[in-house]
Protein backbone atom coordinates (compact mmCIF):
# COMPACT_ATOMS: atom_id res chain seq x y z
CA MET A 1 -167.88 -40.84 -54.84
CA PHE A 2 -166.71 -40.24 -51.29
CA ARG A 3 -163.13 -39.97 -52.50
CA ARG A 4 -164.03 -37.25 -55.03
CA ALA A 5 -165.92 -35.27 -52.40
CA PHE A 6 -162.94 -35.48 -50.04
CA TRP A 7 -160.47 -34.22 -52.63
CA PHE A 8 -162.87 -31.52 -53.82
CA THR A 9 -163.22 -30.25 -50.23
CA ALA A 10 -159.46 -30.48 -49.61
CA GLY A 11 -158.76 -28.52 -52.81
CA ALA A 12 -161.34 -25.85 -51.96
CA ALA A 13 -159.88 -25.47 -48.46
CA ALA A 14 -156.35 -25.19 -49.86
CA GLY A 15 -157.54 -22.58 -52.36
CA VAL A 16 -159.23 -20.51 -49.64
CA TRP A 17 -156.16 -20.75 -47.42
CA ALA A 18 -153.81 -19.72 -50.26
CA THR A 19 -156.08 -16.84 -51.28
CA THR A 20 -156.25 -15.42 -47.78
CA LYS A 21 -152.49 -15.80 -47.38
CA VAL A 22 -151.82 -13.93 -50.64
CA ASN A 23 -154.30 -11.17 -49.74
CA ARG A 24 -152.60 -10.63 -46.37
CA GLN A 25 -149.22 -10.30 -48.05
CA LEU A 26 -150.63 -7.85 -50.61
CA LYS A 27 -152.12 -5.71 -47.84
CA LYS A 28 -148.70 -5.59 -46.16
CA LEU A 29 -147.22 -4.16 -49.37
CA THR A 30 -149.62 -1.23 -49.76
CA PRO A 31 -148.05 2.23 -49.42
CA GLU A 32 -150.03 2.98 -46.24
CA SER A 33 -148.89 -0.24 -44.60
CA LEU A 34 -145.27 0.31 -45.61
CA ALA A 35 -145.40 3.86 -44.23
CA ALA A 36 -146.83 2.61 -40.94
CA GLN A 37 -144.12 -0.05 -40.70
CA ALA A 38 -141.41 2.53 -41.39
CA ALA A 39 -142.86 4.86 -38.76
CA ASP A 40 -142.93 2.06 -36.20
CA LYS A 41 -139.30 1.19 -36.95
CA ALA A 42 -138.30 4.87 -36.65
CA VAL A 43 -140.00 5.18 -33.26
CA GLU A 44 -138.33 1.97 -32.10
CA ALA A 45 -134.93 3.25 -33.26
CA GLY A 46 -135.56 6.53 -31.44
CA HIS A 47 -136.28 4.68 -28.21
CA ARG A 48 -133.10 2.64 -28.62
CA LEU A 49 -131.03 5.79 -29.21
CA LYS A 50 -132.58 7.43 -26.14
CA ASP A 51 -131.76 4.38 -24.01
CA PHE A 52 -128.21 4.37 -25.38
CA ALA A 53 -127.76 8.07 -24.59
CA LEU A 54 -129.04 7.52 -21.04
CA ASP A 55 -126.62 4.61 -20.59
CA VAL A 56 -123.71 6.72 -21.87
CA LYS A 57 -124.66 9.57 -19.55
CA ALA A 58 -124.86 7.22 -16.55
CA GLY A 59 -121.47 5.73 -17.46
CA MET A 60 -119.94 9.17 -17.82
CA THR A 61 -121.25 10.23 -14.42
CA GLN A 62 -119.96 7.06 -12.80
CA ARG A 63 -116.53 7.42 -14.42
CA GLU A 64 -116.36 11.10 -13.47
CA ASP A 65 -117.08 10.19 -9.84
CA GLU A 66 -114.37 7.51 -9.95
CA LEU A 67 -111.85 9.99 -11.36
CA ASN A 68 -112.80 12.64 -8.82
CA ASP A 69 -112.29 10.12 -6.03
CA ALA A 70 -108.95 9.04 -7.48
CA LEU A 71 -107.74 12.64 -7.79
CA GLY A 72 -109.11 13.69 -4.43
CA LEU A 73 -111.62 16.09 -5.94
CA HIS A 74 -114.83 16.31 -3.98
CA GLU A 75 -117.63 18.81 -4.24
CA ASP A 76 -117.78 21.14 -1.29
CA PRO A 77 -121.43 21.87 -0.43
CA ALA A 78 -120.36 25.01 1.46
CA ARG A 79 -119.17 26.60 -1.78
CA LEU A 80 -121.88 28.34 -3.73
CA ASP A 81 -120.48 27.70 -7.18
CA ASN A 82 -119.68 24.01 -6.49
CA VAL A 83 -116.32 24.36 -8.25
CA THR A 84 -113.75 21.85 -7.06
CA ALA A 85 -110.02 22.43 -6.89
CA LEU A 86 -107.05 20.14 -6.68
CA PRO A 87 -105.50 19.67 -3.23
CA GLY A 88 -102.50 21.86 -2.38
CA PRO A 89 -99.47 20.01 -3.84
CA ARG A 90 -101.34 18.78 -6.88
CA ARG A 91 -102.73 22.24 -7.55
CA LEU A 92 -99.26 23.78 -7.37
CA ARG A 93 -97.88 21.18 -9.79
CA ALA A 94 -100.76 21.80 -12.16
CA ILE A 95 -100.19 25.55 -12.03
CA GLU A 96 -96.45 25.11 -12.62
CA ASN A 97 -97.09 22.83 -15.59
CA THR A 98 -99.40 25.34 -17.24
CA LYS A 99 -96.79 28.08 -16.88
CA THR A 100 -93.93 26.04 -18.28
CA THR A 101 -95.68 24.48 -21.23
CA HIS A 102 -94.40 26.02 -24.40
CA ARG A 103 -96.51 25.98 -27.51
CA PRO A 104 -94.77 27.24 -30.62
CA ASN A 105 -96.73 29.57 -32.82
CA LEU A 106 -96.99 27.59 -36.04
CA SER A 107 -98.86 28.92 -38.98
CA TYR A 108 -100.48 26.61 -41.46
CA ASP A 109 -100.33 27.31 -45.16
CA ARG A 110 -103.08 25.51 -47.02
CA ASN A 111 -101.25 25.85 -50.32
CA GLU A 112 -98.36 23.70 -49.14
CA ASP A 113 -100.49 20.56 -49.46
CA HIS A 114 -101.24 21.05 -53.15
């Protein structure tokens, strides 16, 4: 008799546990729940993209500062427009290179490809 009562109670407990487990899974699959999950994932992805963009911006600023130091470009606080220029010899070479570069005037015919 005790053995039957034990197994009856164990079976009832297993049935209750299984029923609650199935009901929880069914509630997760309702349209409202799926929409909420998708919204949460979208917000999370947005935060990750924002963090990525901030990291890229910080890296760009750091690299720009490194390049400015390497080229000898420094912002002059006395200048109102904060535009930097290359030092004398480098500036002259840069100006000479822009004058001597030759770019041929090539036209592109789209019909040649077909």
